[in-house]
N, C-alpha and C. Protein backbone atom coordinates (compact mmCIF):
# COMPACT_ATOMS: atom_id res chain seq x y z
N UNK A 1 -9.67 31.70 -59.24
CA UNK A 1 -8.95 31.27 -58.02
C UNK A 1 -8.91 29.74 -58.01
N UNK A 2 -7.78 29.19 -57.56
CA UNK A 2 -7.63 27.73 -57.54
C UNK A 2 -7.58 27.26 -56.10
N UNK A 3 -8.40 26.24 -55.81
CA UNK A 3 -8.46 25.70 -54.48
C UNK A 3 -8.05 24.27 -54.50
N UNK A 4 -7.46 23.80 -53.37
CA UNK A 4 -7.14 22.34 -53.26
C UNK A 4 -8.27 21.64 -52.60
N UNK A 5 -8.10 20.32 -52.30
CA UNK A 5 -9.21 19.54 -51.80
C UNK A 5 -9.63 20.01 -50.41
N UNK A 6 -8.81 20.74 -49.70
CA UNK A 6 -9.23 21.27 -48.40
C UNK A 6 -9.91 22.65 -48.50
N UNK A 7 -10.03 23.14 -49.72
CA UNK A 7 -10.67 24.41 -49.95
C UNK A 7 -9.77 25.60 -49.75
N UNK A 8 -8.48 25.35 -49.64
CA UNK A 8 -7.51 26.46 -49.48
C UNK A 8 -7.11 27.01 -50.83
N UNK A 9 -6.95 28.32 -50.88
CA UNK A 9 -6.54 29.00 -52.10
C UNK A 9 -5.05 29.23 -52.09
N UNK A 10 -4.35 28.88 -53.14
CA UNK A 10 -2.91 29.05 -53.22
C UNK A 10 -2.57 30.12 -54.25
N UNK A 11 -1.74 31.02 -53.86
CA UNK A 11 -1.37 32.16 -54.73
C UNK A 11 0.14 32.31 -54.78
N UNK A 12 0.64 32.68 -55.95
CA UNK A 12 2.01 33.09 -56.11
C UNK A 12 1.99 34.62 -56.32
N UNK A 13 2.81 35.34 -55.53
CA UNK A 13 2.73 36.82 -55.56
C UNK A 13 3.05 37.38 -56.92
N UNK A 14 3.82 36.65 -57.76
CA UNK A 14 4.22 37.14 -59.08
C UNK A 14 3.30 36.62 -60.20
N UNK A 15 2.91 35.36 -60.11
CA UNK A 15 2.19 34.74 -61.22
C UNK A 15 0.68 34.51 -60.99
N UNK A 16 0.25 34.71 -59.77
CA UNK A 16 -1.16 34.52 -59.48
C UNK A 16 -1.52 33.15 -58.97
N UNK A 17 -2.68 32.62 -59.37
CA UNK A 17 -3.19 31.34 -58.86
C UNK A 17 -2.27 30.20 -59.17
N UNK A 18 -2.13 29.29 -58.19
CA UNK A 18 -1.24 28.12 -58.32
C UNK A 18 -2.05 26.85 -58.48
N UNK A 19 -1.91 26.13 -59.61
CA UNK A 19 -2.65 24.87 -59.80
C UNK A 19 -2.15 23.81 -58.84
N UNK A 20 -2.95 22.81 -58.53
CA UNK A 20 -2.57 21.80 -57.52
C UNK A 20 -1.21 21.12 -57.81
N UNK A 21 -0.98 20.78 -59.06
CA UNK A 21 0.31 20.08 -59.39
C UNK A 21 1.53 20.95 -59.22
N UNK A 22 1.33 22.25 -59.10
CA UNK A 22 2.46 23.16 -58.88
C UNK A 22 2.51 23.69 -57.44
N UNK A 23 1.70 23.11 -56.58
CA UNK A 23 1.62 23.54 -55.18
C UNK A 23 2.75 22.98 -54.37
N UNK A 24 3.96 23.39 -54.71
CA UNK A 24 5.20 22.93 -54.03
C UNK A 24 6.17 24.09 -53.95
N UNK A 25 6.83 24.20 -52.78
CA UNK A 25 7.89 25.18 -52.62
C UNK A 25 9.21 24.67 -53.16
N UNK A 26 10.17 25.56 -53.32
CA UNK A 26 11.45 25.18 -53.90
C UNK A 26 12.17 24.14 -53.07
N UNK A 27 12.27 24.37 -51.75
CA UNK A 27 12.95 23.38 -50.89
C UNK A 27 12.25 22.02 -50.98
N UNK A 28 10.94 22.09 -51.02
CA UNK A 28 10.15 20.84 -51.10
C UNK A 28 10.50 20.04 -52.34
N UNK A 29 10.58 20.68 -53.47
CA UNK A 29 10.89 19.97 -54.73
C UNK A 29 12.24 19.31 -54.66
N UNK A 30 13.24 20.04 -54.12
CA UNK A 30 14.57 19.44 -54.02
C UNK A 30 14.60 18.26 -53.04
N UNK A 31 13.94 18.46 -51.88
CA UNK A 31 13.99 17.41 -50.83
C UNK A 31 13.22 16.18 -51.24
N UNK A 32 12.03 16.37 -51.85
CA UNK A 32 11.22 15.20 -52.28
C UNK A 32 11.92 14.46 -53.42
N UNK A 33 12.57 15.21 -54.28
CA UNK A 33 13.37 14.58 -55.37
C UNK A 33 14.45 13.68 -54.74
N UNK A 34 15.09 14.12 -53.68
CA UNK A 34 16.13 13.32 -53.02
C UNK A 34 15.50 12.10 -52.37
N UNK A 35 14.30 12.26 -51.75
CA UNK A 35 13.64 11.12 -51.14
C UNK A 35 13.27 10.08 -52.17
N UNK A 36 12.73 10.50 -53.30
CA UNK A 36 12.32 9.54 -54.34
C UNK A 36 13.56 8.84 -54.92
N UNK A 37 14.63 9.62 -55.15
CA UNK A 37 15.86 9.01 -55.69
C UNK A 37 16.44 7.99 -54.71
N UNK A 38 16.47 8.37 -53.42
CA UNK A 38 16.99 7.45 -52.40
C UNK A 38 16.11 6.20 -52.28
N UNK A 39 14.80 6.35 -52.45
CA UNK A 39 13.92 5.19 -52.39
C UNK A 39 14.19 4.24 -53.56
N UNK A 40 14.40 4.78 -54.71
CA UNK A 40 14.80 3.94 -55.87
C UNK A 40 16.06 3.20 -55.56
N UNK A 41 17.06 3.90 -54.97
CA UNK A 41 18.32 3.29 -54.62
C UNK A 41 18.11 2.13 -53.63
N UNK A 42 17.24 2.36 -52.66
CA UNK A 42 16.91 1.28 -51.69
C UNK A 42 16.30 0.09 -52.36
N UNK A 43 15.33 0.32 -53.24
CA UNK A 43 14.69 -0.80 -53.95
C UNK A 43 15.69 -1.54 -54.84
N UNK A 44 16.58 -0.79 -55.48
CA UNK A 44 17.61 -1.44 -56.32
C UNK A 44 18.58 -2.25 -55.44
N UNK A 45 18.89 -1.72 -54.26
CA UNK A 45 19.78 -2.44 -53.34
C UNK A 45 19.10 -3.75 -52.87
N UNK A 46 17.84 -3.66 -52.49
CA UNK A 46 17.11 -4.86 -52.04
C UNK A 46 17.08 -5.91 -53.19
N UNK A 47 16.84 -5.45 -54.41
CA UNK A 47 16.80 -6.35 -55.55
C UNK A 47 18.13 -7.08 -55.74
N UNK A 48 19.19 -6.25 -55.63
CA UNK A 48 20.54 -6.81 -55.82
C UNK A 48 20.90 -7.81 -54.73
N UNK A 49 20.53 -7.48 -53.50
CA UNK A 49 20.84 -8.33 -52.34
C UNK A 49 20.06 -9.62 -52.30
N UNK A 50 18.85 -9.60 -52.89
CA UNK A 50 17.95 -10.74 -52.76
C UNK A 50 18.56 -12.03 -53.31
N UNK A 51 19.40 -11.90 -54.32
CA UNK A 51 19.97 -13.13 -54.94
C UNK A 51 21.03 -13.76 -54.04
N UNK A 52 21.50 -13.05 -52.99
CA UNK A 52 22.56 -13.59 -52.09
C UNK A 52 22.02 -14.08 -50.78
N UNK A 53 20.74 -13.83 -50.47
CA UNK A 53 20.17 -14.19 -49.18
C UNK A 53 20.06 -15.73 -49.06
N UNK A 54 20.50 -16.22 -47.90
CA UNK A 54 20.43 -17.68 -47.66
C UNK A 54 19.30 -18.04 -46.69
N UNK A 55 19.09 -17.23 -45.69
CA UNK A 55 18.10 -17.53 -44.65
C UNK A 55 16.69 -17.20 -45.18
N UNK A 56 15.77 -18.17 -45.16
CA UNK A 56 14.41 -17.90 -45.64
C UNK A 56 13.71 -16.78 -44.83
N UNK A 57 14.03 -16.71 -43.56
CA UNK A 57 13.42 -15.68 -42.74
C UNK A 57 13.81 -14.29 -43.19
N UNK A 58 15.13 -14.10 -43.45
CA UNK A 58 15.59 -12.82 -43.96
C UNK A 58 15.03 -12.53 -45.34
N UNK A 59 14.93 -13.59 -46.17
CA UNK A 59 14.36 -13.40 -47.51
C UNK A 59 12.92 -12.90 -47.44
N UNK A 60 12.18 -13.41 -46.48
CA UNK A 60 10.78 -13.00 -46.28
C UNK A 60 10.73 -11.56 -45.86
N UNK A 61 11.60 -11.13 -44.91
CA UNK A 61 11.65 -9.73 -44.50
C UNK A 61 11.98 -8.83 -45.65
N UNK A 62 12.97 -9.23 -46.42
CA UNK A 62 13.41 -8.42 -47.57
C UNK A 62 12.28 -8.27 -48.59
N UNK A 63 11.59 -9.34 -48.91
CA UNK A 63 10.51 -9.30 -49.89
C UNK A 63 9.34 -8.44 -49.41
N UNK A 64 8.97 -8.62 -48.13
CA UNK A 64 7.85 -7.84 -47.62
C UNK A 64 8.18 -6.36 -47.57
N UNK A 65 9.38 -6.03 -47.10
CA UNK A 65 9.79 -4.62 -47.00
C UNK A 65 9.91 -4.03 -48.40
N UNK A 66 10.46 -4.76 -49.32
CA UNK A 66 10.63 -4.25 -50.69
C UNK A 66 9.27 -3.92 -51.33
N UNK A 67 8.31 -4.80 -51.14
CA UNK A 67 6.96 -4.53 -51.66
C UNK A 67 6.31 -3.31 -51.03
N UNK A 68 6.49 -3.16 -49.73
CA UNK A 68 5.91 -2.01 -49.02
C UNK A 68 6.59 -0.74 -49.44
N UNK A 69 7.91 -0.74 -49.53
CA UNK A 69 8.64 0.46 -49.94
C UNK A 69 8.23 0.88 -51.36
N UNK A 70 8.01 -0.08 -52.24
CA UNK A 70 7.57 0.22 -53.62
C UNK A 70 6.19 0.89 -53.60
N UNK A 71 5.30 0.35 -52.79
CA UNK A 71 3.97 0.97 -52.67
C UNK A 71 4.07 2.39 -52.19
N UNK A 72 4.89 2.59 -51.16
CA UNK A 72 5.04 3.93 -50.60
C UNK A 72 5.66 4.90 -51.62
N UNK A 73 6.58 4.39 -52.39
CA UNK A 73 7.19 5.20 -53.45
C UNK A 73 6.11 5.68 -54.43
N UNK A 74 5.26 4.76 -54.88
CA UNK A 74 4.19 5.08 -55.81
C UNK A 74 3.20 6.11 -55.21
N UNK A 75 2.85 5.93 -53.94
CA UNK A 75 1.95 6.87 -53.29
C UNK A 75 2.58 8.23 -53.19
N UNK A 76 3.87 8.32 -52.80
CA UNK A 76 4.55 9.58 -52.69
C UNK A 76 4.65 10.29 -54.05
N UNK A 77 4.99 9.52 -55.08
CA UNK A 77 5.11 10.04 -56.41
C UNK A 77 3.76 10.57 -56.90
N UNK A 78 2.70 9.85 -56.63
CA UNK A 78 1.33 10.23 -57.04
C UNK A 78 0.98 11.59 -56.50
N UNK A 79 1.06 11.78 -55.20
CA UNK A 79 0.65 13.08 -54.60
C UNK A 79 1.62 14.19 -54.97
N UNK A 80 2.90 13.84 -55.16
CA UNK A 80 3.89 14.87 -55.53
C UNK A 80 3.61 15.42 -56.89
N UNK A 81 3.21 14.51 -57.84
CA UNK A 81 2.94 14.96 -59.21
C UNK A 81 1.59 15.66 -59.36
N UNK A 82 0.60 15.23 -58.52
CA UNK A 82 -0.74 15.81 -58.63
C UNK A 82 -0.98 16.95 -57.70
N UNK A 83 -0.26 16.96 -56.59
CA UNK A 83 -0.52 17.97 -55.54
C UNK A 83 -1.77 17.67 -54.79
N UNK A 84 -2.42 16.52 -54.98
CA UNK A 84 -3.66 16.21 -54.33
C UNK A 84 -3.55 14.82 -53.66
N UNK A 85 -4.64 14.40 -53.00
CA UNK A 85 -4.63 13.11 -52.32
C UNK A 85 -4.25 11.99 -53.33
N UNK A 86 -3.40 11.06 -52.93
CA UNK A 86 -3.04 9.96 -53.82
C UNK A 86 -4.21 9.01 -54.01
N UNK A 87 -4.18 8.27 -55.12
CA UNK A 87 -5.26 7.30 -55.42
C UNK A 87 -5.33 6.23 -54.36
N UNK A 88 -4.16 5.82 -53.83
CA UNK A 88 -4.14 4.76 -52.78
C UNK A 88 -3.74 5.41 -51.47
N UNK A 89 -4.47 5.18 -50.39
CA UNK A 89 -4.09 5.80 -49.11
C UNK A 89 -2.82 5.18 -48.52
N UNK A 90 -2.23 5.93 -47.59
CA UNK A 90 -1.02 5.43 -46.93
C UNK A 90 -1.38 4.26 -46.02
N UNK A 91 -0.39 3.39 -45.83
CA UNK A 91 -0.59 2.22 -44.98
C UNK A 91 0.42 2.20 -43.86
N UNK A 92 0.21 1.31 -42.87
CA UNK A 92 1.14 1.12 -41.77
C UNK A 92 1.87 -0.24 -41.91
N UNK A 93 3.18 -0.22 -41.83
CA UNK A 93 3.94 -1.46 -41.98
C UNK A 93 3.84 -2.28 -40.70
N UNK A 94 3.58 -3.57 -40.89
CA UNK A 94 3.48 -4.52 -39.76
C UNK A 94 4.55 -5.53 -39.84
N UNK A 95 5.43 -5.56 -38.81
CA UNK A 95 6.51 -6.54 -38.84
C UNK A 95 6.06 -7.87 -38.23
N UNK A 96 6.83 -8.94 -38.51
CA UNK A 96 6.51 -10.28 -37.97
C UNK A 96 7.37 -10.67 -36.80
N UNK A 97 8.39 -9.89 -36.47
CA UNK A 97 9.28 -10.22 -35.38
C UNK A 97 8.63 -9.98 -34.05
N UNK A 98 9.07 -10.75 -33.03
CA UNK A 98 8.68 -10.42 -31.67
C UNK A 98 9.52 -9.25 -31.18
N UNK A 99 9.16 -8.70 -30.02
CA UNK A 99 9.86 -7.50 -29.50
C UNK A 99 10.93 -7.86 -28.47
N UNK A 100 11.35 -9.10 -28.42
CA UNK A 100 12.28 -9.53 -27.38
C UNK A 100 13.75 -9.36 -27.81
N UNK A 101 14.45 -8.43 -27.13
CA UNK A 101 15.86 -8.25 -27.39
C UNK A 101 16.68 -9.10 -26.44
N UNK A 102 17.79 -9.60 -26.89
CA UNK A 102 18.77 -10.29 -26.04
C UNK A 102 19.89 -9.30 -25.75
N UNK A 103 20.14 -9.08 -24.43
CA UNK A 103 21.15 -8.09 -24.06
C UNK A 103 22.46 -8.81 -23.68
N UNK A 104 23.55 -8.08 -23.85
CA UNK A 104 24.87 -8.65 -23.48
C UNK A 104 25.73 -8.89 -24.72
N UNK A 105 27.02 -9.06 -24.49
CA UNK A 105 27.96 -9.23 -25.59
C UNK A 105 28.62 -10.58 -25.49
N UNK A 106 28.83 -11.21 -26.66
CA UNK A 106 29.61 -12.43 -26.76
C UNK A 106 30.75 -12.22 -27.74
N UNK A 107 31.88 -12.92 -27.60
CA UNK A 107 32.98 -12.71 -28.52
C UNK A 107 32.58 -12.93 -29.98
N UNK A 108 33.06 -12.12 -30.89
CA UNK A 108 32.78 -12.29 -32.31
C UNK A 108 33.97 -11.78 -33.09
N UNK A 109 34.01 -12.16 -34.35
CA UNK A 109 35.12 -11.78 -35.22
C UNK A 109 35.06 -10.28 -35.53
N UNK A 110 36.21 -9.61 -35.56
CA UNK A 110 36.22 -8.18 -35.94
C UNK A 110 35.67 -8.02 -37.35
N UNK A 111 34.92 -6.94 -37.57
CA UNK A 111 34.37 -6.67 -38.92
C UNK A 111 35.45 -6.02 -39.80
N UNK A 112 35.37 -6.34 -41.09
CA UNK A 112 36.32 -5.74 -42.07
C UNK A 112 35.63 -5.77 -43.44
N UNK A 113 36.13 -4.97 -44.37
CA UNK A 113 35.53 -4.93 -45.73
C UNK A 113 35.61 -6.31 -46.42
N UNK A 114 34.63 -6.56 -47.24
CA UNK A 114 34.65 -7.83 -48.05
C UNK A 114 35.78 -7.77 -49.07
N UNK A 115 36.30 -8.93 -49.37
CA UNK A 115 37.32 -9.04 -50.38
C UNK A 115 36.82 -9.59 -51.71
N UNK A 116 35.62 -10.25 -51.65
CA UNK A 116 34.98 -10.81 -52.85
C UNK A 116 33.49 -11.00 -52.56
N UNK A 117 32.71 -11.19 -53.61
CA UNK A 117 31.27 -11.43 -53.45
C UNK A 117 31.00 -12.74 -52.76
N UNK A 118 31.93 -13.62 -52.79
CA UNK A 118 31.79 -14.92 -52.12
C UNK A 118 31.70 -14.78 -50.60
N UNK A 119 32.11 -13.63 -50.08
CA UNK A 119 32.09 -13.42 -48.64
C UNK A 119 30.76 -12.76 -48.17
N UNK A 120 29.87 -12.50 -49.09
CA UNK A 120 28.57 -11.89 -48.76
C UNK A 120 27.79 -12.83 -47.86
N UNK A 121 27.34 -12.34 -46.70
CA UNK A 121 26.59 -13.14 -45.77
C UNK A 121 25.26 -12.47 -45.44
N UNK A 122 24.40 -13.24 -44.76
CA UNK A 122 23.12 -12.68 -44.33
C UNK A 122 23.35 -11.54 -43.33
N UNK A 123 24.38 -11.64 -42.56
CA UNK A 123 24.69 -10.60 -41.58
C UNK A 123 24.97 -9.27 -42.33
N UNK A 124 25.79 -9.35 -43.40
CA UNK A 124 26.11 -8.14 -44.16
C UNK A 124 24.89 -7.61 -44.89
N UNK A 125 24.07 -8.50 -45.44
CA UNK A 125 22.88 -8.11 -46.18
C UNK A 125 21.92 -7.38 -45.23
N UNK A 126 21.68 -7.95 -44.06
CA UNK A 126 20.75 -7.31 -43.12
C UNK A 126 21.28 -5.97 -42.66
N UNK A 127 22.60 -5.83 -42.59
CA UNK A 127 23.19 -4.54 -42.21
C UNK A 127 22.93 -3.50 -43.29
N UNK A 128 23.06 -3.89 -44.54
CA UNK A 128 22.76 -2.97 -45.67
C UNK A 128 21.31 -2.54 -45.63
N UNK A 129 20.42 -3.48 -45.36
CA UNK A 129 18.97 -3.18 -45.28
C UNK A 129 18.71 -2.18 -44.16
N UNK A 130 19.31 -2.43 -43.01
CA UNK A 130 19.11 -1.59 -41.88
C UNK A 130 19.60 -0.18 -42.13
N UNK A 131 20.77 -0.07 -42.73
CA UNK A 131 21.31 1.28 -43.04
C UNK A 131 20.41 2.02 -43.98
N UNK A 132 19.83 1.33 -44.95
CA UNK A 132 18.96 1.99 -45.95
C UNK A 132 17.69 2.55 -45.33
N UNK A 133 17.00 1.76 -44.48
CA UNK A 133 15.75 2.23 -43.90
C UNK A 133 16.00 3.30 -42.81
N UNK A 134 17.13 3.18 -42.09
CA UNK A 134 17.46 4.21 -41.11
C UNK A 134 17.73 5.55 -41.80
N UNK A 135 18.46 5.46 -42.89
CA UNK A 135 18.71 6.68 -43.67
C UNK A 135 17.43 7.31 -44.20
N UNK A 136 16.49 6.45 -44.63
CA UNK A 136 15.22 6.91 -45.17
C UNK A 136 14.44 7.63 -44.11
N UNK A 137 14.46 7.13 -42.86
CA UNK A 137 13.71 7.75 -41.73
C UNK A 137 14.20 9.20 -41.53
N UNK A 138 15.53 9.36 -41.54
CA UNK A 138 16.11 10.69 -41.33
C UNK A 138 15.75 11.61 -42.51
N UNK A 139 15.94 11.10 -43.72
CA UNK A 139 15.70 11.92 -44.92
C UNK A 139 14.28 12.36 -45.05
N UNK A 140 13.34 11.44 -44.79
CA UNK A 140 11.91 11.79 -44.91
C UNK A 140 11.48 12.77 -43.81
N UNK A 141 12.06 12.63 -42.64
CA UNK A 141 11.74 13.57 -41.56
C UNK A 141 12.19 14.97 -41.92
N UNK A 142 13.42 15.07 -42.41
CA UNK A 142 13.95 16.42 -42.81
C UNK A 142 13.16 17.00 -43.96
N UNK A 143 12.77 16.12 -44.93
CA UNK A 143 12.01 16.59 -46.08
C UNK A 143 10.65 17.09 -45.67
N UNK A 144 9.97 16.37 -44.78
CA UNK A 144 8.63 16.70 -44.33
C UNK A 144 8.62 18.11 -43.67
N UNK A 145 9.70 18.49 -43.01
CA UNK A 145 9.79 19.76 -42.36
C UNK A 145 9.88 20.92 -43.36
N UNK A 146 10.24 20.64 -44.60
CA UNK A 146 10.38 21.67 -45.62
C UNK A 146 9.19 21.70 -46.59
N UNK A 147 8.28 20.72 -46.49
CA UNK A 147 7.18 20.62 -47.45
C UNK A 147 6.07 21.62 -47.18
N UNK A 148 5.61 22.30 -48.20
CA UNK A 148 4.49 23.21 -48.10
C UNK A 148 3.18 22.57 -48.46
N UNK A 149 3.16 21.62 -49.40
CA UNK A 149 1.96 20.93 -49.80
C UNK A 149 1.46 20.04 -48.66
N UNK A 150 0.23 20.27 -48.18
CA UNK A 150 -0.23 19.51 -47.02
C UNK A 150 -0.37 18.03 -47.22
N UNK A 151 -0.69 17.57 -48.44
CA UNK A 151 -0.81 16.15 -48.71
C UNK A 151 0.54 15.51 -48.73
N UNK A 152 1.51 16.08 -49.42
CA UNK A 152 2.84 15.50 -49.50
C UNK A 152 3.46 15.47 -48.09
N UNK A 153 3.24 16.51 -47.35
CA UNK A 153 3.76 16.54 -45.96
C UNK A 153 3.20 15.39 -45.14
N UNK A 154 1.90 15.14 -45.27
CA UNK A 154 1.26 14.05 -44.49
C UNK A 154 1.79 12.68 -44.95
N UNK A 155 1.91 12.49 -46.28
CA UNK A 155 2.40 11.23 -46.78
C UNK A 155 3.83 10.95 -46.30
N UNK A 156 4.70 11.95 -46.33
CA UNK A 156 6.08 11.77 -45.85
C UNK A 156 6.07 11.52 -44.34
N UNK A 157 5.27 12.30 -43.61
CA UNK A 157 5.22 12.10 -42.14
C UNK A 157 4.69 10.73 -41.79
N UNK A 158 3.72 10.23 -42.52
CA UNK A 158 3.16 8.89 -42.28
C UNK A 158 4.19 7.80 -42.60
N UNK A 159 5.10 8.11 -43.46
CA UNK A 159 6.11 7.11 -43.93
C UNK A 159 7.20 6.93 -42.85
N UNK A 160 7.50 7.96 -42.08
CA UNK A 160 8.59 7.87 -41.11
C UNK A 160 8.41 6.74 -40.10
N UNK A 161 7.23 6.60 -39.46
CA UNK A 161 7.05 5.47 -38.55
C UNK A 161 7.22 4.10 -39.22
N UNK A 162 6.90 4.03 -40.52
CA UNK A 162 7.10 2.77 -41.24
C UNK A 162 8.59 2.44 -41.39
N UNK A 163 9.42 3.47 -41.65
CA UNK A 163 10.85 3.26 -41.72
C UNK A 163 11.38 2.82 -40.37
N UNK A 164 10.88 3.41 -39.31
CA UNK A 164 11.30 3.04 -37.96
C UNK A 164 10.92 1.56 -37.68
N UNK A 165 9.71 1.17 -38.08
CA UNK A 165 9.22 -0.18 -37.84
C UNK A 165 10.07 -1.19 -38.65
N UNK A 166 10.39 -0.84 -39.88
CA UNK A 166 11.23 -1.74 -40.69
C UNK A 166 12.65 -1.88 -40.10
N UNK A 167 13.19 -0.76 -39.61
CA UNK A 167 14.51 -0.81 -38.99
C UNK A 167 14.50 -1.65 -37.74
N UNK A 168 13.43 -1.54 -36.97
CA UNK A 168 13.30 -2.32 -35.75
C UNK A 168 13.19 -3.81 -36.08
N UNK A 169 12.42 -4.13 -37.13
CA UNK A 169 12.28 -5.53 -37.52
C UNK A 169 13.63 -6.16 -37.89
N UNK A 170 14.43 -5.38 -38.65
CA UNK A 170 15.76 -5.89 -39.05
C UNK A 170 16.68 -6.00 -37.88
N UNK A 171 16.66 -5.01 -36.98
CA UNK A 171 17.54 -5.10 -35.82
C UNK A 171 17.18 -6.27 -34.91
N UNK A 172 15.87 -6.56 -34.81
CA UNK A 172 15.46 -7.73 -33.98
C UNK A 172 15.94 -9.01 -34.61
N UNK A 173 15.85 -9.11 -35.94
CA UNK A 173 16.37 -10.26 -36.67
C UNK A 173 17.88 -10.40 -36.44
N UNK A 174 18.58 -9.32 -36.55
CA UNK A 174 20.04 -9.33 -36.32
C UNK A 174 20.40 -9.76 -34.93
N UNK A 175 19.65 -9.21 -33.97
CA UNK A 175 19.93 -9.51 -32.56
C UNK A 175 19.71 -11.00 -32.26
N UNK A 176 18.64 -11.57 -32.84
CA UNK A 176 18.32 -12.97 -32.61
C UNK A 176 19.44 -13.86 -33.13
N UNK A 177 20.11 -13.43 -34.19
CA UNK A 177 21.23 -14.21 -34.77
C UNK A 177 22.58 -13.74 -34.33
N UNK A 178 22.61 -12.86 -33.32
CA UNK A 178 23.83 -12.37 -32.71
C UNK A 178 24.65 -11.52 -33.67
N UNK A 179 23.99 -10.97 -34.74
CA UNK A 179 24.71 -10.06 -35.61
C UNK A 179 24.78 -8.67 -34.98
N UNK A 180 23.74 -8.34 -34.23
CA UNK A 180 23.63 -7.02 -33.56
C UNK A 180 23.53 -7.30 -32.05
N UNK A 181 24.58 -7.04 -31.35
CA UNK A 181 24.64 -7.28 -29.92
C UNK A 181 24.39 -5.95 -29.18
N UNK A 182 23.65 -6.07 -28.08
CA UNK A 182 23.21 -4.87 -27.34
C UNK A 182 23.82 -4.87 -25.98
N UNK A 183 24.82 -4.03 -25.73
CA UNK A 183 25.41 -3.93 -24.39
C UNK A 183 24.48 -3.18 -23.48
N UNK A 184 24.64 -3.38 -22.16
CA UNK A 184 23.90 -2.67 -21.15
C UNK A 184 24.88 -2.02 -20.20
N UNK A 185 24.47 -0.89 -19.62
CA UNK A 185 25.27 -0.26 -18.56
C UNK A 185 25.13 -1.11 -17.31
N UNK A 186 26.10 -0.97 -16.39
CA UNK A 186 25.91 -1.61 -15.07
C UNK A 186 24.58 -1.16 -14.43
N UNK A 187 23.94 -2.07 -13.73
CA UNK A 187 22.56 -1.80 -13.23
C UNK A 187 22.54 -0.54 -12.38
N UNK A 188 23.56 -0.34 -11.58
CA UNK A 188 23.62 0.87 -10.69
C UNK A 188 23.67 2.13 -11.51
N UNK A 189 24.50 2.15 -12.56
CA UNK A 189 24.60 3.34 -13.42
C UNK A 189 23.31 3.56 -14.18
N UNK A 190 22.70 2.51 -14.66
CA UNK A 190 21.47 2.65 -15.40
C UNK A 190 20.34 3.16 -14.52
N UNK A 191 20.27 2.65 -13.30
CA UNK A 191 19.24 3.11 -12.34
C UNK A 191 19.43 4.58 -12.04
N UNK A 192 20.66 5.00 -11.86
CA UNK A 192 20.93 6.39 -11.54
C UNK A 192 20.50 7.32 -12.70
N UNK A 193 20.77 6.91 -13.91
CA UNK A 193 20.38 7.70 -15.07
C UNK A 193 18.88 7.72 -15.28
N UNK A 194 18.22 6.58 -15.08
CA UNK A 194 16.76 6.51 -15.20
C UNK A 194 16.10 7.40 -14.21
N UNK A 195 16.62 7.45 -12.98
CA UNK A 195 16.04 8.24 -11.90
C UNK A 195 16.55 9.66 -11.86
N UNK A 196 17.31 10.04 -12.92
CA UNK A 196 17.87 11.38 -12.92
C UNK A 196 16.93 12.46 -13.36
N UNK A 197 15.67 12.12 -13.62
CA UNK A 197 14.67 13.08 -14.05
C UNK A 197 13.40 12.96 -13.19
N UNK A 198 12.73 14.08 -12.99
CA UNK A 198 11.49 14.11 -12.24
C UNK A 198 10.39 14.71 -13.12
N UNK A 199 9.11 14.33 -12.88
CA UNK A 199 8.04 14.91 -13.67
C UNK A 199 7.96 16.43 -13.55
N UNK A 200 7.53 17.06 -14.61
CA UNK A 200 7.30 18.51 -14.55
C UNK A 200 6.06 18.83 -13.72
N UNK A 201 6.10 19.90 -12.97
CA UNK A 201 4.98 20.33 -12.16
C UNK A 201 4.04 21.10 -13.07
N UNK A 202 2.87 20.51 -13.34
CA UNK A 202 1.91 21.15 -14.21
C UNK A 202 1.18 22.26 -13.48
N UNK A 203 1.30 23.46 -14.00
CA UNK A 203 0.66 24.65 -13.39
C UNK A 203 -0.39 25.20 -14.33
N UNK A 204 -1.60 25.39 -13.82
CA UNK A 204 -2.69 25.95 -14.60
C UNK A 204 -2.55 27.44 -14.58
N UNK A 205 -2.75 28.10 -15.75
CA UNK A 205 -2.64 29.57 -15.77
C UNK A 205 -3.72 30.21 -14.90
N UNK A 206 -3.36 31.23 -14.19
CA UNK A 206 -4.29 31.92 -13.34
C UNK A 206 -5.14 32.91 -14.12
N UNK A 207 -6.43 32.93 -13.83
CA UNK A 207 -7.35 33.85 -14.52
C UNK A 207 -7.49 35.17 -13.71
N UNK A 208 -6.79 35.22 -12.57
CA UNK A 208 -6.94 36.43 -11.74
C UNK A 208 -6.09 37.56 -12.33
N UNK A 209 -6.72 38.68 -12.56
CA UNK A 209 -5.99 39.82 -13.10
C UNK A 209 -5.52 40.69 -11.97
N UNK A 210 -4.30 41.09 -12.02
CA UNK A 210 -3.76 42.02 -11.02
C UNK A 210 -3.85 43.43 -11.47
N UNK A 211 -4.19 44.33 -10.60
CA UNK A 211 -4.35 45.75 -10.93
C UNK A 211 -3.23 46.54 -10.27
């Protein structure tokens, strides 16, 4: 009988005991393969974009995120191939941006596709970065829901908040430079929607038995 690090025994109804490195369901293998492939694409995109970045602040964000994404890729690959705890534990991404958003809209040029690489700007680069990490958050969430291996599930689940944090960091950078503008509803409409819900009445189950 084969046990994993939690002492659980894994069996295949047709072939018998399942070794740790094969402790994966079919959906899990397909979904994690997509996650790993998409992560490589993100790293390649960051590498390609890095040569066009002009703002040192954005370059710092790109470099820090790229290094963190690479570490997460290696951790995910490690536990996926072994079926056991990775050699390096998962980490939490820490952004450097403040949490202050600027609300409201100012006039800006309409967006359109680039006509040449000479038109590549920090705004476009940060948008590509944001789209990549937002996509990763969705993909890793969906994959984690299909994973049967408890270690791989935990590693993917731990990675989702990091994707959210990276996306938030980029959006704050964009907002500060007016690349990403945040409209607000009229105060009266917003107040009405905020107050449109009331707390649930918590009821304790009764222990009285009726006869």
